[in-house]
Amino acid sequence: MRAQGAPLVLAGALLVAGCADRGSGPTGPGAATRPPADELLVEVDPGGGVAAARYTLTCGDVPAGDHPDPAAACAHLAGLEDPFAPLPDDVACTEVYGGPQTARVTGTWGGVPVDRALSRTDGCRIAQWDALGPLLPGPVGVGDPLPGLRALPPR
């Protein structure tokens, strides 16, 4: 008699376990198909002894985080096919130095883990940095007059 009761106990336990999970997780129309929000941590070192900045960015229904402009950064990244793609191994890059700035972006984008180190040490890396638009700041000094530089008088 004992062996016959074991399947009933097991079936009952499975039924209770299945019911216990009801109600957890997102509910409502589209909840099962809604992708998780993209979450990024952006660390930018402007170089030259200036303190590094650290921002969080969440791109979902409502852009959020302490990034200076989360809406613009999320919209820009969403328009790129693969914003964090690595440079190809066989790419030839111009030997142009764009500055001492470095950045690291970690987190998830499109459900895929991201861990991308960025710099401005050659033409390819400058283009990679610039392609990320409002996610990263422009190089130090761009758009700002140099200290002590006065505008020339009009001719």
N, C-alpha and C. Protein backbone atom coordinates (compact mmCIF):
# COMPACT_ATOMS: atom_id res chain seq x y z
N MET A 1 0.83 -1.18 0.00
CA MET A 1 0.00 0.00 0.00
C MET A 1 0.87 1.25 0.00
N ARG A 2 2.00 1.14 0.62
CA ARG A 2 2.89 2.28 0.71
C ARG A 2 3.40 2.68 -0.67
N ALA A 3 3.74 1.74 -1.53
CA ALA A 3 4.26 2.04 -2.85
C ALA A 3 3.20 2.69 -3.73
N GLN A 4 1.94 2.38 -3.53
CA GLN A 4 0.88 2.98 -4.34
C GLN A 4 0.63 4.43 -3.94
N GLY A 5 0.87 4.83 -2.74
CA GLY A 5 0.62 6.20 -2.28
C GLY A 5 1.72 7.17 -2.70
N ALA A 6 2.92 6.67 -2.99
CA ALA A 6 4.05 7.54 -3.35
C ALA A 6 3.77 8.34 -4.61
N PRO A 7 3.22 7.74 -5.70
CA PRO A 7 2.93 8.56 -6.89
C PRO A 7 1.91 9.65 -6.60
N LEU A 8 0.94 9.38 -5.74
CA LEU A 8 -0.05 10.40 -5.42
C LEU A 8 0.58 11.56 -4.66
N VAL A 9 1.48 11.26 -3.74
CA VAL A 9 2.17 12.30 -2.98
C VAL A 9 3.02 13.14 -3.92
N LEU A 10 3.74 12.48 -4.85
CA LEU A 10 4.58 13.19 -5.81
C LEU A 10 3.74 14.08 -6.71
N ALA A 11 2.63 13.58 -7.21
CA ALA A 11 1.74 14.36 -8.07
C ALA A 11 1.19 15.57 -7.31
N GLY A 12 0.83 15.38 -6.07
CA GLY A 12 0.32 16.48 -5.26
C GLY A 12 1.38 17.54 -5.03
N ALA A 13 2.61 17.11 -4.77
CA ALA A 13 3.70 18.06 -4.54
C ALA A 13 3.97 18.87 -5.81
N LEU A 14 3.95 18.24 -6.97
CA LEU A 14 4.16 18.95 -8.23
C LEU A 14 3.05 19.95 -8.49
N LEU A 15 1.82 19.56 -8.18
CA LEU A 15 0.69 20.45 -8.37
C LEU A 15 0.81 21.69 -7.48
N VAL A 16 1.17 21.50 -6.25
CA VAL A 16 1.34 22.61 -5.31
C VAL A 16 2.49 23.50 -5.76
N ALA A 17 3.60 22.91 -6.20
CA ALA A 17 4.74 23.70 -6.65
C ALA A 17 4.38 24.53 -7.87
N GLY A 18 3.62 23.95 -8.78
CA GLY A 18 3.19 24.68 -9.97
C GLY A 18 2.28 25.84 -9.63
N CYS A 19 1.41 25.66 -8.68
CA CYS A 19 0.49 26.72 -8.27
C CYS A 19 1.21 27.81 -7.51
N ALA A 20 2.23 27.45 -6.79
CA ALA A 20 2.95 28.44 -5.98
C ALA A 20 3.63 29.47 -6.86
N ASP A 21 3.96 29.13 -8.11
CA ASP A 21 4.65 30.06 -8.99
C ASP A 21 3.69 31.03 -9.66
N ARG A 22 2.39 30.75 -9.61
CA ARG A 22 1.43 31.64 -10.24
C ARG A 22 1.47 33.01 -9.61
N GLY A 23 1.33 34.00 -10.45
CA GLY A 23 1.28 35.37 -9.94
C GLY A 23 2.64 36.02 -9.83
N SER A 24 3.72 35.28 -9.97
CA SER A 24 5.03 35.92 -9.89
C SER A 24 5.44 36.34 -11.29
N GLY A 25 6.22 37.39 -11.40
CA GLY A 25 6.69 37.87 -12.69
C GLY A 25 5.72 38.87 -13.29
N PRO A 26 6.10 39.43 -14.46
CA PRO A 26 5.26 40.44 -15.09
C PRO A 26 3.97 39.84 -15.62
N THR A 27 2.92 40.63 -15.61
CA THR A 27 1.63 40.18 -16.11
C THR A 27 1.09 41.22 -17.06
N GLY A 28 0.03 40.87 -17.75
CA GLY A 28 -0.61 41.82 -18.64
C GLY A 28 -0.24 41.55 -20.09
N PRO A 29 -0.91 42.26 -21.02
CA PRO A 29 -0.65 42.05 -22.44
C PRO A 29 0.79 42.38 -22.80
N GLY A 30 1.43 41.50 -23.51
CA GLY A 30 2.79 41.72 -23.98
C GLY A 30 3.86 41.51 -22.93
N ALA A 31 3.49 41.16 -21.71
CA ALA A 31 4.49 41.03 -20.65
C ALA A 31 5.47 39.91 -20.95
N ALA A 32 5.00 38.83 -21.53
CA ALA A 32 5.88 37.70 -21.81
C ALA A 32 6.83 38.01 -22.95
N THR A 33 6.47 38.93 -23.84
CA THR A 33 7.30 39.23 -24.99
C THR A 33 8.15 40.47 -24.81
N ARG A 34 7.94 41.23 -23.78
CA ARG A 34 8.70 42.45 -23.55
C ARG A 34 10.15 42.10 -23.23
N PRO A 35 11.11 42.66 -24.02
CA PRO A 35 12.51 42.37 -23.72
C PRO A 35 12.94 43.09 -22.44
N PRO A 36 13.93 42.56 -21.77
CA PRO A 36 14.42 43.24 -20.56
C PRO A 36 15.06 44.57 -20.96
N ALA A 37 15.09 45.50 -20.04
CA ALA A 37 15.71 46.79 -20.30
C ALA A 37 17.22 46.59 -20.49
N ASP A 38 17.78 47.40 -21.37
CA ASP A 38 19.23 47.39 -21.57
C ASP A 38 19.85 48.24 -20.48
N GLU A 39 20.85 47.69 -19.80
CA GLU A 39 21.50 48.40 -18.70
C GLU A 39 22.99 48.48 -18.96
N LEU A 40 23.53 49.69 -18.89
CA LEU A 40 24.94 49.91 -19.16
C LEU A 40 25.58 50.71 -18.04
N LEU A 41 26.83 50.40 -17.77
CA LEU A 41 27.67 51.20 -16.89
C LEU A 41 28.76 51.78 -17.78
N VAL A 42 28.88 53.10 -17.79
CA VAL A 42 29.83 53.80 -18.65
C VAL A 42 30.86 54.48 -17.75
N GLU A 43 32.12 54.12 -17.93
CA GLU A 43 33.20 54.75 -17.18
C GLU A 43 34.10 55.47 -18.17
N VAL A 44 34.27 56.77 -17.98
CA VAL A 44 35.04 57.58 -18.91
C VAL A 44 36.18 58.26 -18.15
N ASP A 45 37.40 58.05 -18.65
CA ASP A 45 38.58 58.70 -18.10
C ASP A 45 39.05 59.72 -19.13
N PRO A 46 38.88 61.02 -18.84
CA PRO A 46 39.27 62.03 -19.81
C PRO A 46 40.79 62.16 -19.98
N GLY A 47 41.54 61.53 -19.10
CA GLY A 47 43.00 61.61 -19.19
C GLY A 47 43.52 62.92 -18.61
N GLY A 48 44.81 63.07 -18.64
CA GLY A 48 45.42 64.31 -18.17
C GLY A 48 45.24 64.56 -16.69
N GLY A 49 45.04 63.53 -15.91
CA GLY A 49 44.91 63.69 -14.47
C GLY A 49 43.52 64.12 -14.00
N VAL A 50 42.58 64.26 -14.91
CA VAL A 50 41.21 64.62 -14.55
C VAL A 50 40.51 63.37 -14.02
N ALA A 51 39.69 63.54 -13.01
CA ALA A 51 38.98 62.40 -12.41
C ALA A 51 38.05 61.74 -13.42
N ALA A 52 38.00 60.44 -13.36
CA ALA A 52 37.11 59.67 -14.25
C ALA A 52 35.66 59.87 -13.84
N ALA A 53 34.77 59.77 -14.81
CA ALA A 53 33.34 59.88 -14.57
C ALA A 53 32.71 58.50 -14.74
N ARG A 54 31.65 58.27 -14.01
CA ARG A 54 30.96 56.98 -14.06
C ARG A 54 29.47 57.25 -14.17
N TYR A 55 28.83 56.65 -15.19
CA TYR A 55 27.41 56.86 -15.42
C TYR A 55 26.70 55.53 -15.54
N THR A 56 25.44 55.51 -15.15
CA THR A 56 24.58 54.36 -15.42
C THR A 56 23.55 54.79 -16.46
N LEU A 57 23.14 53.84 -17.27
CA LEU A 57 22.16 54.12 -18.31
C LEU A 57 21.26 52.91 -18.45
N THR A 58 19.97 53.13 -18.36
CA THR A 58 18.98 52.08 -18.57
C THR A 58 18.09 52.51 -19.72
N CYS A 59 18.05 51.69 -20.76
CA CYS A 59 17.22 51.97 -21.93
C CYS A 59 16.09 50.96 -21.97
N GLY A 60 14.91 51.41 -21.67
CA GLY A 60 13.72 50.58 -21.68
C GLY A 60 12.55 51.45 -22.10
N ASP A 61 11.40 51.22 -21.51
CA ASP A 61 10.23 52.05 -21.82
C ASP A 61 10.52 53.52 -21.54
N VAL A 62 11.21 53.78 -20.45
CA VAL A 62 11.58 55.14 -20.08
C VAL A 62 13.09 55.16 -19.82
N PRO A 63 13.86 55.89 -20.65
CA PRO A 63 15.31 55.95 -20.41
C PRO A 63 15.60 56.52 -19.03
N ALA A 64 16.58 55.95 -18.35
CA ALA A 64 16.88 56.37 -16.98
C ALA A 64 18.37 56.20 -16.70
N GLY A 65 18.75 56.60 -15.51
CA GLY A 65 20.13 56.50 -15.07
C GLY A 65 20.67 57.87 -14.76
N ASP A 66 21.92 57.91 -14.32
CA ASP A 66 22.52 59.20 -14.02
C ASP A 66 23.39 59.72 -15.16
N HIS A 67 23.29 59.10 -16.34
CA HIS A 67 23.93 59.61 -17.55
C HIS A 67 23.40 61.03 -17.79
N PRO A 68 24.23 61.94 -18.30
CA PRO A 68 23.77 63.32 -18.50
C PRO A 68 22.54 63.46 -19.41
N ASP A 69 22.38 62.59 -20.40
CA ASP A 69 21.22 62.67 -21.29
C ASP A 69 20.78 61.27 -21.68
N PRO A 70 20.09 60.56 -20.76
CA PRO A 70 19.73 59.17 -21.04
C PRO A 70 18.85 59.00 -22.27
N ALA A 71 17.92 59.92 -22.52
CA ALA A 71 17.02 59.78 -23.68
C ALA A 71 17.81 59.84 -24.98
N ALA A 72 18.71 60.80 -25.10
CA ALA A 72 19.50 60.93 -26.33
C ALA A 72 20.43 59.74 -26.52
N ALA A 73 21.06 59.30 -25.44
CA ALA A 73 21.99 58.16 -25.54
C ALA A 73 21.24 56.90 -25.95
N CYS A 74 20.09 56.64 -25.34
CA CYS A 74 19.31 55.44 -25.67
C CYS A 74 18.80 55.49 -27.10
N ALA A 75 18.29 56.63 -27.53
CA ALA A 75 17.77 56.77 -28.89
C ALA A 75 18.89 56.56 -29.91
N HIS A 76 20.05 57.13 -29.64
CA HIS A 76 21.18 56.99 -30.57
C HIS A 76 21.62 55.53 -30.66
N LEU A 77 21.80 54.88 -29.52
CA LEU A 77 22.24 53.48 -29.52
C LEU A 77 21.22 52.58 -30.21
N ALA A 78 19.94 52.86 -30.01
CA ALA A 78 18.89 52.04 -30.62
C ALA A 78 18.93 52.13 -32.14
N GLY A 79 19.45 53.23 -32.68
CA GLY A 79 19.54 53.41 -34.12
C GLY A 79 20.75 52.75 -34.75
N LEU A 80 21.64 52.21 -33.94
CA LEU A 80 22.84 51.56 -34.46
C LEU A 80 22.63 50.06 -34.58
N GLU A 81 23.18 49.46 -35.63
CA GLU A 81 22.99 48.02 -35.84
C GLU A 81 23.64 47.19 -34.73
N ASP A 82 24.88 47.47 -34.42
CA ASP A 82 25.60 46.74 -33.38
C ASP A 82 26.58 47.71 -32.73
N PRO A 83 26.09 48.54 -31.80
CA PRO A 83 26.91 49.63 -31.28
C PRO A 83 28.19 49.21 -30.56
N PHE A 84 28.24 47.99 -30.06
CA PHE A 84 29.41 47.58 -29.29
C PHE A 84 30.23 46.49 -29.98
N ALA A 85 30.10 46.43 -31.30
CA ALA A 85 30.87 45.43 -32.07
C ALA A 85 32.36 45.73 -31.94
N PRO A 86 33.17 44.69 -31.82
CA PRO A 86 34.61 44.92 -31.76
C PRO A 86 35.15 45.30 -33.14
N LEU A 87 36.28 45.94 -33.15
CA LEU A 87 36.94 46.21 -34.43
C LEU A 87 37.45 44.89 -35.00
N PRO A 88 37.38 44.72 -36.32
CA PRO A 88 37.92 43.49 -36.91
C PRO A 88 39.42 43.36 -36.65
N ASP A 89 39.89 42.14 -36.51
CA ASP A 89 41.31 41.90 -36.24
C ASP A 89 42.22 42.38 -37.37
N ASP A 90 41.73 42.32 -38.61
CA ASP A 90 42.57 42.63 -39.76
C ASP A 90 42.37 44.05 -40.30
N VAL A 91 41.76 44.94 -39.51
CA VAL A 91 41.50 46.29 -39.98
C VAL A 91 42.79 47.12 -39.95
N ALA A 92 42.97 47.96 -40.99
CA ALA A 92 44.10 48.88 -41.04
C ALA A 92 43.60 50.24 -40.57
N CYS A 93 44.28 50.82 -39.60
CA CYS A 93 43.85 52.08 -39.00
C CYS A 93 44.89 53.17 -39.25
N THR A 94 44.41 54.37 -39.45
CA THR A 94 45.33 55.50 -39.60
C THR A 94 46.02 55.75 -38.27
N GLU A 95 47.22 56.23 -38.35
CA GLU A 95 47.98 56.52 -37.13
C GLU A 95 47.75 57.97 -36.73
N VAL A 96 46.54 58.22 -36.28
CA VAL A 96 46.13 59.54 -35.84
C VAL A 96 45.79 59.41 -34.36
N TYR A 97 46.38 60.25 -33.55
CA TYR A 97 46.11 60.21 -32.11
C TYR A 97 44.99 61.19 -31.80
N GLY A 98 43.93 60.70 -31.19
CA GLY A 98 42.78 61.53 -30.89
C GLY A 98 42.71 62.03 -29.47
N GLY A 99 43.63 61.65 -28.63
CA GLY A 99 43.63 62.13 -27.26
C GLY A 99 43.76 61.00 -26.25
N PRO A 100 43.95 61.37 -24.99
CA PRO A 100 44.21 60.38 -23.95
C PRO A 100 42.95 59.74 -23.36
N GLN A 101 41.78 60.10 -23.87
CA GLN A 101 40.54 59.61 -23.28
C GLN A 101 40.41 58.10 -23.45
N THR A 102 39.89 57.46 -22.41
CA THR A 102 39.55 56.04 -22.47
C THR A 102 38.17 55.86 -21.84
N ALA A 103 37.53 54.78 -22.21
CA ALA A 103 36.21 54.49 -21.63
C ALA A 103 36.02 52.99 -21.59
N ARG A 104 35.16 52.55 -20.73
CA ARG A 104 34.77 51.14 -20.66
C ARG A 104 33.25 51.12 -20.48
N VAL A 105 32.60 50.32 -21.32
CA VAL A 105 31.14 50.17 -21.26
C VAL A 105 30.86 48.71 -20.94
N THR A 106 30.14 48.48 -19.86
CA THR A 106 29.78 47.11 -19.46
C THR A 106 28.27 47.05 -19.21
N GLY A 107 27.74 45.86 -19.25
CA GLY A 107 26.31 45.67 -18.98
C GLY A 107 25.69 44.75 -20.01
N THR A 108 24.46 45.08 -20.42
CA THR A 108 23.78 44.31 -21.45
C THR A 108 23.15 45.26 -22.46
N TRP A 109 23.17 44.84 -23.72
CA TRP A 109 22.51 45.59 -24.79
C TRP A 109 21.86 44.58 -25.71
N GLY A 110 20.56 44.68 -25.89
CA GLY A 110 19.84 43.73 -26.72
C GLY A 110 19.89 42.32 -26.16
N GLY A 111 19.99 42.22 -24.84
CA GLY A 111 20.05 40.92 -24.18
C GLY A 111 21.42 40.26 -24.27
N VAL A 112 22.41 40.95 -24.84
CA VAL A 112 23.75 40.39 -25.01
C VAL A 112 24.71 41.11 -24.05
N PRO A 113 25.57 40.37 -23.37
CA PRO A 113 26.53 41.03 -22.48
C PRO A 113 27.47 41.96 -23.26
N VAL A 114 27.78 43.09 -22.65
CA VAL A 114 28.69 44.08 -23.24
C VAL A 114 29.86 44.27 -22.29
N ASP A 115 31.06 44.27 -22.84
CA ASP A 115 32.26 44.65 -22.10
C ASP A 115 33.23 45.20 -23.14
N ARG A 116 33.13 46.50 -23.40
CA ARG A 116 33.91 47.11 -24.47
C ARG A 116 34.81 48.19 -23.92
N ALA A 117 36.11 48.06 -24.18
CA ALA A 117 37.08 49.09 -23.83
C ALA A 117 37.26 49.99 -25.05
N LEU A 118 37.28 51.28 -24.83
CA LEU A 118 37.38 52.24 -25.92
C LEU A 118 38.50 53.22 -25.66
N SER A 119 39.08 53.73 -26.74
CA SER A 119 40.12 54.75 -26.61
C SER A 119 40.08 55.60 -27.88
N ARG A 120 40.98 56.57 -27.96
CA ARG A 120 41.09 57.45 -29.13
C ARG A 120 42.53 57.41 -29.65
N THR A 121 43.15 56.24 -29.63
CA THR A 121 44.57 56.12 -29.94
C THR A 121 44.89 55.99 -31.43
N ASP A 122 43.89 55.76 -32.28
CA ASP A 122 44.12 55.72 -33.72
C ASP A 122 42.80 56.02 -34.42
N GLY A 123 42.86 56.12 -35.75
CA GLY A 123 41.67 56.49 -36.52
C GLY A 123 40.49 55.57 -36.33
N CYS A 124 40.73 54.26 -36.24
CA CYS A 124 39.63 53.30 -36.06
C CYS A 124 38.97 53.48 -34.71
N ARG A 125 39.77 53.67 -33.69
CA ARG A 125 39.23 53.80 -32.35
C ARG A 125 38.54 55.15 -32.14
N ILE A 126 39.04 56.19 -32.82
CA ILE A 126 38.36 57.49 -32.78
C ILE A 126 36.98 57.34 -33.41
N ALA A 127 36.91 56.67 -34.56
CA ALA A 127 35.63 56.48 -35.24
C ALA A 127 34.68 55.63 -34.39
N GLN A 128 35.22 54.61 -33.72
CA GLN A 128 34.40 53.75 -32.84
C GLN A 128 33.82 54.59 -31.70
N TRP A 129 34.64 55.43 -31.09
CA TRP A 129 34.21 56.32 -30.00
C TRP A 129 33.14 57.29 -30.50
N ASP A 130 33.44 57.97 -31.61
CA ASP A 130 32.51 58.98 -32.13
C ASP A 130 31.18 58.37 -32.57
N ALA A 131 31.18 57.12 -33.04
CA ALA A 131 29.95 56.47 -33.48
C ALA A 131 28.97 56.27 -32.33
N LEU A 132 29.46 56.24 -31.11
CA LEU A 132 28.59 56.04 -29.95
C LEU A 132 27.87 57.33 -29.54
N GLY A 133 28.18 58.42 -30.24
CA GLY A 133 27.46 59.67 -30.08
C GLY A 133 27.29 60.12 -28.65
N PRO A 134 26.06 60.39 -28.23
CA PRO A 134 25.83 60.96 -26.91
C PRO A 134 26.11 60.01 -25.74
N LEU A 135 26.45 58.74 -26.02
CA LEU A 135 26.80 57.85 -24.90
C LEU A 135 28.10 58.31 -24.25
N LEU A 136 29.05 58.76 -25.08
CA LEU A 136 30.36 59.19 -24.59
C LEU A 136 30.55 60.68 -24.85
N PRO A 137 31.28 61.36 -23.99
CA PRO A 137 31.54 62.77 -24.24
C PRO A 137 32.54 62.92 -25.38
N GLY A 138 32.50 64.08 -26.02
CA GLY A 138 33.50 64.38 -27.04
C GLY A 138 34.86 64.53 -26.37
N PRO A 139 35.91 64.58 -27.15
CA PRO A 139 37.23 64.75 -26.55
C PRO A 139 37.33 66.05 -25.77
N VAL A 140 38.17 66.05 -24.79
CA VAL A 140 38.36 67.22 -23.94
C VAL A 140 38.78 68.39 -24.80
N GLY A 141 38.10 69.52 -24.60
CA GLY A 141 38.49 70.73 -25.30
C GLY A 141 37.77 70.96 -26.61
N VAL A 142 37.09 69.98 -27.17
CA VAL A 142 36.40 70.18 -28.44
C VAL A 142 35.23 71.13 -28.20
N GLY A 143 35.19 72.16 -28.99
CA GLY A 143 34.10 73.13 -28.86
C GLY A 143 34.38 74.20 -27.82
N ASP A 144 35.40 74.01 -27.01
CA ASP A 144 35.78 74.99 -25.99
C ASP A 144 37.03 75.71 -26.46
N PRO A 145 37.08 77.03 -26.28
CA PRO A 145 38.31 77.72 -26.66
C PRO A 145 39.46 77.29 -25.76
N LEU A 146 40.64 77.32 -26.32
CA LEU A 146 41.81 76.98 -25.52
C LEU A 146 42.03 78.07 -24.47
N PRO A 147 42.49 77.67 -23.27
CA PRO A 147 42.72 78.67 -22.23
C PRO A 147 43.72 79.72 -22.71
N GLY A 148 43.40 80.98 -22.49
CA GLY A 148 44.32 82.06 -22.84
C GLY A 148 44.27 82.45 -24.31
N LEU A 149 43.48 81.77 -25.12
CA LEU A 149 43.39 82.08 -26.54
C LEU A 149 42.31 83.13 -26.75
N ARG A 150 42.71 84.21 -27.41
CA ARG A 150 41.74 85.26 -27.70
C ARG A 150 41.36 85.19 -29.16
N ALA A 151 40.13 85.53 -29.45
CA ALA A 151 39.68 85.56 -30.83
C ALA A 151 40.38 86.70 -31.57
N LEU A 152 40.69 86.47 -32.84
CA LEU A 152 41.30 87.50 -33.68
C LEU A 152 40.24 88.53 -34.02
N PRO A 153 40.64 89.79 -34.09
CA PRO A 153 39.67 90.82 -34.47
C PRO A 153 39.27 90.63 -35.94
N PRO A 154 38.03 90.98 -36.27
CA PRO A 154 37.61 90.85 -37.68
C PRO A 154 38.42 91.76 -38.57
N ARG A 155 38.63 91.37 -39.84
CA ARG A 155 39.41 92.17 -40.80
C ARG A 155 38.56 93.17 -41.47
